[in-house]
């Protein structure tokens, strides 16, 4: 009897997670993508807070150009800002408190 072992792997620079996932599944490697790693809508988070891009960037210590690029889909979110944005989405006051 084979022993199944789960080994998590983080692929932060995978340009198309769905393609990577289907390729791995084809190789009989089961894949799951935590919600945090697959879906962050920066514009929605910002709009929910009623902030302009400039205000959002200033409040949460982001570069305005980065916020614009994320919203326009011109660049992928790296893991650290993705995690921070996930926290901002659920508890913006906690991030504001920490940032002072």
N, C-alpha and C. Protein backbone atom coordinates (compact mmCIF):
# COMPACT_ATOMS: atom_id res chain seq x y z
N UNK A 1 0.84 -1.17 0.00
CA UNK A 1 0.00 0.00 0.00
C UNK A 1 0.90 1.24 0.00
N UNK A 2 0.61 2.16 -0.88
CA UNK A 2 1.38 3.40 -0.97
C UNK A 2 0.92 4.38 0.11
N UNK A 3 1.86 5.09 0.65
CA UNK A 3 1.54 6.11 1.64
C UNK A 3 1.48 7.44 0.93
N UNK A 4 0.34 8.12 1.07
CA UNK A 4 0.21 9.43 0.45
C UNK A 4 0.79 10.49 1.39
N UNK A 5 1.53 11.37 0.82
CA UNK A 5 2.14 12.43 1.60
C UNK A 5 1.80 13.76 0.95
N UNK A 6 1.40 14.70 1.76
CA UNK A 6 1.11 16.03 1.23
C UNK A 6 2.29 16.95 1.51
N UNK A 7 2.76 17.56 0.46
CA UNK A 7 3.85 18.51 0.58
C UNK A 7 3.40 19.83 -0.03
N UNK A 8 3.24 20.85 0.79
CA UNK A 8 2.82 22.13 0.23
C UNK A 8 3.95 22.76 -0.58
N UNK A 9 3.57 23.44 -1.62
CA UNK A 9 4.55 24.16 -2.44
C UNK A 9 3.97 25.51 -2.80
N UNK A 10 4.73 26.54 -2.60
CA UNK A 10 4.31 27.88 -2.94
C UNK A 10 4.98 28.27 -4.26
N UNK A 11 4.16 28.66 -5.22
CA UNK A 11 4.67 29.07 -6.52
C UNK A 11 4.32 30.54 -6.72
N UNK A 12 5.03 31.45 -6.07
CA UNK A 12 4.64 32.85 -6.09
C UNK A 12 4.73 33.52 -7.45
N UNK A 13 5.53 33.00 -8.34
CA UNK A 13 5.69 33.65 -9.64
C UNK A 13 5.01 32.90 -10.78
N UNK A 14 4.12 31.98 -10.43
CA UNK A 14 3.41 31.25 -11.48
C UNK A 14 2.49 32.24 -12.19
N UNK A 15 2.74 32.52 -13.47
CA UNK A 15 1.96 33.53 -14.17
C UNK A 15 0.49 33.15 -14.35
N UNK A 16 0.23 31.87 -14.51
CA UNK A 16 -1.14 31.40 -14.69
C UNK A 16 -1.37 30.19 -13.79
N UNK A 17 -1.80 30.43 -12.53
CA UNK A 17 -1.95 29.32 -11.59
C UNK A 17 -2.84 28.19 -12.11
N UNK A 18 -3.90 28.52 -12.84
CA UNK A 18 -4.79 27.48 -13.35
C UNK A 18 -4.06 26.54 -14.31
N UNK A 19 -3.22 27.11 -15.17
CA UNK A 19 -2.45 26.28 -16.11
C UNK A 19 -1.46 25.39 -15.38
N UNK A 20 -0.78 25.98 -14.40
CA UNK A 20 0.18 25.20 -13.61
C UNK A 20 -0.56 24.07 -12.90
N UNK A 21 -1.72 24.39 -12.32
CA UNK A 21 -2.51 23.38 -11.62
C UNK A 21 -2.94 22.25 -12.52
N UNK A 22 -3.43 22.57 -13.72
CA UNK A 22 -3.89 21.51 -14.62
C UNK A 22 -2.72 20.66 -15.11
N UNK A 23 -1.56 21.28 -15.30
CA UNK A 23 -0.38 20.51 -15.71
C UNK A 23 0.04 19.54 -14.61
N UNK A 24 0.05 20.02 -13.37
CA UNK A 24 0.42 19.15 -12.25
C UNK A 24 -0.60 18.02 -12.07
N UNK A 25 -1.89 18.34 -12.22
CA UNK A 25 -2.91 17.31 -12.09
C UNK A 25 -2.76 16.26 -13.19
N UNK A 26 -2.37 16.68 -14.39
CA UNK A 26 -2.11 15.74 -15.48
C UNK A 26 -1.01 14.76 -15.08
N UNK A 27 -0.06 15.23 -14.28
CA UNK A 27 1.03 14.39 -13.80
C UNK A 27 0.65 13.62 -12.54
N UNK A 28 -0.66 13.62 -12.23
CA UNK A 28 -1.21 12.92 -11.08
C UNK A 28 -0.72 13.51 -9.75
N UNK A 29 -0.54 14.82 -9.75
CA UNK A 29 -0.18 15.55 -8.53
C UNK A 29 -1.38 16.40 -8.16
N UNK A 30 -1.96 16.15 -6.99
CA UNK A 30 -3.14 16.92 -6.60
C UNK A 30 -2.73 18.34 -6.23
N UNK A 31 -3.59 19.27 -6.59
CA UNK A 31 -3.27 20.68 -6.43
C UNK A 31 -4.45 21.40 -5.78
N UNK A 32 -4.14 22.31 -4.89
CA UNK A 32 -5.18 23.21 -4.38
C UNK A 32 -4.55 24.58 -4.20
N UNK A 33 -5.32 25.59 -4.49
CA UNK A 33 -4.86 26.95 -4.34
C UNK A 33 -5.70 27.63 -3.28
N UNK A 34 -5.08 28.01 -2.17
CA UNK A 34 -5.84 28.74 -1.15
C UNK A 34 -6.42 30.01 -1.76
N UNK A 35 -7.59 30.39 -1.29
CA UNK A 35 -8.28 31.58 -1.81
C UNK A 35 -7.36 32.80 -1.81
N UNK A 36 -6.60 32.95 -0.75
CA UNK A 36 -5.71 34.10 -0.64
C UNK A 36 -4.75 34.19 -1.81
N UNK A 37 -4.32 33.07 -2.31
CA UNK A 37 -3.32 33.10 -3.37
C UNK A 37 -3.92 33.21 -4.76
N UNK A 38 -5.23 33.11 -4.87
CA UNK A 38 -5.81 33.12 -6.21
C UNK A 38 -6.66 34.34 -6.52
N UNK A 39 -7.14 35.06 -5.51
CA UNK A 39 -8.08 36.12 -5.82
C UNK A 39 -7.99 37.29 -4.86
N UNK A 40 -7.42 38.37 -5.31
CA UNK A 40 -7.42 39.62 -4.55
C UNK A 40 -7.84 40.72 -5.52
N UNK A 41 -8.96 41.36 -5.23
CA UNK A 41 -9.48 42.43 -6.07
C UNK A 41 -9.15 43.77 -5.41
N UNK A 42 -8.03 44.34 -5.79
CA UNK A 42 -7.54 45.57 -5.16
C UNK A 42 -8.55 46.70 -5.32
N UNK A 43 -9.10 46.85 -6.50
CA UNK A 43 -10.05 47.94 -6.75
C UNK A 43 -11.28 47.81 -5.86
N UNK A 44 -11.76 46.60 -5.69
CA UNK A 44 -12.92 46.35 -4.84
C UNK A 44 -12.62 46.68 -3.38
N UNK A 45 -11.45 46.29 -2.91
CA UNK A 45 -11.04 46.58 -1.52
C UNK A 45 -10.98 48.09 -1.32
N UNK A 46 -10.36 48.77 -2.26
CA UNK A 46 -10.22 50.23 -2.17
C UNK A 46 -11.57 50.93 -2.23
N UNK A 47 -12.43 50.48 -3.15
CA UNK A 47 -13.75 51.10 -3.30
C UNK A 47 -14.61 50.89 -2.05
N UNK A 48 -14.50 49.72 -1.46
CA UNK A 48 -15.26 49.42 -0.23
C UNK A 48 -14.89 50.40 0.89
N UNK A 49 -13.64 50.85 0.88
CA UNK A 49 -13.18 51.81 1.89
C UNK A 49 -13.46 53.26 1.48
N UNK A 50 -13.96 53.45 0.26
CA UNK A 50 -14.29 54.78 -0.21
C UNK A 50 -13.09 55.69 -0.42
N UNK A 51 -11.99 55.09 -0.86
CA UNK A 51 -10.75 55.85 -1.03
C UNK A 51 -10.35 55.94 -2.50
N UNK A 52 -9.70 57.04 -2.85
CA UNK A 52 -9.10 57.14 -4.18
C UNK A 52 -7.84 56.29 -4.18
N UNK A 53 -7.27 56.07 -5.35
CA UNK A 53 -6.02 55.31 -5.42
C UNK A 53 -4.93 56.00 -4.61
N UNK A 54 -4.86 57.31 -4.72
CA UNK A 54 -3.84 58.07 -4.00
C UNK A 54 -4.04 57.96 -2.49
N UNK A 55 -5.29 58.08 -2.03
CA UNK A 55 -5.58 57.97 -0.59
C UNK A 55 -5.28 56.57 -0.07
N UNK A 56 -5.69 55.56 -0.85
CA UNK A 56 -5.46 54.16 -0.46
C UNK A 56 -3.96 53.88 -0.34
N UNK A 57 -3.21 54.34 -1.33
CA UNK A 57 -1.76 54.13 -1.32
C UNK A 57 -1.12 54.81 -0.11
N UNK A 58 -1.52 56.03 0.16
CA UNK A 58 -0.95 56.76 1.30
C UNK A 58 -1.32 56.11 2.63
N UNK A 59 -2.56 55.71 2.77
CA UNK A 59 -3.03 55.15 4.04
C UNK A 59 -2.33 53.84 4.38
N UNK A 60 -2.08 53.02 3.35
CA UNK A 60 -1.54 51.68 3.61
C UNK A 60 -0.09 51.51 3.13
N UNK A 61 0.59 52.63 2.89
CA UNK A 61 2.02 52.63 2.54
C UNK A 61 2.35 51.87 1.25
N UNK A 62 1.49 52.02 0.25
CA UNK A 62 1.76 51.46 -1.06
C UNK A 62 2.19 52.59 -1.99
N UNK A 63 2.86 52.25 -3.05
CA UNK A 63 3.18 53.19 -4.10
C UNK A 63 1.94 53.35 -4.99
N UNK A 64 1.59 54.58 -5.35
CA UNK A 64 0.40 54.81 -6.17
C UNK A 64 0.49 54.04 -7.49
N UNK A 65 1.66 54.03 -8.10
CA UNK A 65 1.83 53.31 -9.36
C UNK A 65 1.55 51.81 -9.18
N UNK A 66 1.95 51.26 -8.05
CA UNK A 66 1.68 49.83 -7.79
C UNK A 66 0.18 49.58 -7.70
N UNK A 67 -0.52 50.45 -6.98
CA UNK A 67 -1.98 50.30 -6.85
C UNK A 67 -2.62 50.35 -8.23
N UNK A 68 -2.22 51.30 -9.05
CA UNK A 68 -2.78 51.42 -10.40
C UNK A 68 -2.47 50.18 -11.23
N UNK A 69 -1.24 49.70 -11.16
CA UNK A 69 -0.86 48.51 -11.92
C UNK A 69 -1.62 47.28 -11.47
N UNK A 70 -1.80 47.10 -10.16
CA UNK A 70 -2.57 45.96 -9.65
C UNK A 70 -4.00 46.02 -10.14
N UNK A 71 -4.60 47.22 -10.06
CA UNK A 71 -6.00 47.36 -10.46
C UNK A 71 -6.19 47.14 -11.95
N UNK A 72 -5.23 47.54 -12.75
CA UNK A 72 -5.33 47.39 -14.20
C UNK A 72 -4.86 46.02 -14.68
N UNK A 73 -4.34 45.21 -13.76
CA UNK A 73 -3.86 43.88 -14.13
C UNK A 73 -2.56 43.90 -14.91
N UNK A 74 -1.82 45.01 -14.81
CA UNK A 74 -0.55 45.12 -15.55
C UNK A 74 0.58 44.35 -14.88
N UNK A 75 0.42 44.03 -13.61
CA UNK A 75 1.44 43.22 -12.94
C UNK A 75 0.78 42.35 -11.87
N UNK A 76 1.44 41.27 -11.55
CA UNK A 76 0.94 40.32 -10.55
C UNK A 76 1.32 40.80 -9.16
N UNK A 77 0.46 40.49 -8.22
CA UNK A 77 0.77 40.79 -6.82
C UNK A 77 1.76 39.77 -6.29
N UNK A 78 2.81 40.23 -5.65
CA UNK A 78 3.72 39.33 -4.94
C UNK A 78 3.03 38.90 -3.65
N UNK A 79 3.57 37.90 -2.99
CA UNK A 79 2.94 37.35 -1.80
C UNK A 79 2.81 38.36 -0.65
N UNK A 80 3.84 39.12 -0.27
CA UNK A 80 3.68 40.05 0.87
C UNK A 80 2.55 41.08 0.68
N UNK A 81 2.48 41.80 -0.45
CA UNK A 81 1.35 42.74 -0.59
C UNK A 81 0.01 42.01 -0.70
N UNK A 82 0.01 40.82 -1.26
CA UNK A 82 -1.23 40.03 -1.36
C UNK A 82 -1.76 39.71 0.04
N UNK A 83 -0.87 39.33 0.94
CA UNK A 83 -1.27 39.03 2.32
C UNK A 83 -1.75 40.29 3.01
N UNK A 84 -1.01 41.39 2.85
CA UNK A 84 -1.42 42.65 3.47
C UNK A 84 -2.78 43.09 2.94
N UNK A 85 -3.01 42.97 1.65
CA UNK A 85 -4.30 43.35 1.07
C UNK A 85 -5.43 42.47 1.59
N UNK A 86 -5.16 41.19 1.82
CA UNK A 86 -6.18 40.30 2.38
C UNK A 86 -6.56 40.75 3.79
N UNK A 87 -5.57 41.19 4.56
CA UNK A 87 -5.86 41.70 5.91
C UNK A 87 -6.61 43.02 5.82
N UNK A 88 -6.20 43.90 4.92
CA UNK A 88 -6.90 45.18 4.74
C UNK A 88 -8.36 44.93 4.37
N UNK A 89 -8.61 43.95 3.53
CA UNK A 89 -9.98 43.65 3.11
C UNK A 89 -10.87 43.27 4.29
N UNK A 90 -10.31 42.56 5.26
CA UNK A 90 -11.11 42.09 6.40
C UNK A 90 -11.01 43.00 7.62
N UNK A 91 -9.84 43.57 7.85
CA UNK A 91 -9.62 44.37 9.06
C UNK A 91 -8.75 45.60 8.77
N UNK A 92 -9.27 46.54 7.98
CA UNK A 92 -8.45 47.70 7.62
C UNK A 92 -8.01 48.50 8.85
N UNK A 93 -8.86 48.52 9.87
CA UNK A 93 -8.52 49.29 11.08
C UNK A 93 -7.30 48.71 11.79
N UNK A 94 -7.12 47.40 11.72
CA UNK A 94 -5.96 46.77 12.35
C UNK A 94 -4.67 47.21 11.65
N UNK A 95 -4.72 47.26 10.33
CA UNK A 95 -3.53 47.69 9.57
C UNK A 95 -3.25 49.16 9.83
N UNK A 96 -4.31 49.98 9.83
CA UNK A 96 -4.13 51.41 10.11
C UNK A 96 -3.54 51.61 11.50
N UNK A 97 -4.00 50.82 12.47
CA UNK A 97 -3.49 50.93 13.84
C UNK A 97 -2.00 50.59 13.90
N UNK A 98 -1.60 49.55 13.20
CA UNK A 98 -0.20 49.14 13.20
C UNK A 98 0.67 50.17 12.48
N UNK A 99 0.17 50.70 11.39
CA UNK A 99 0.95 51.67 10.62
C UNK A 99 0.97 53.05 11.26
N UNK A 100 0.05 53.25 12.21
CA UNK A 100 0.03 54.52 12.96
C UNK A 100 -0.53 55.62 12.17
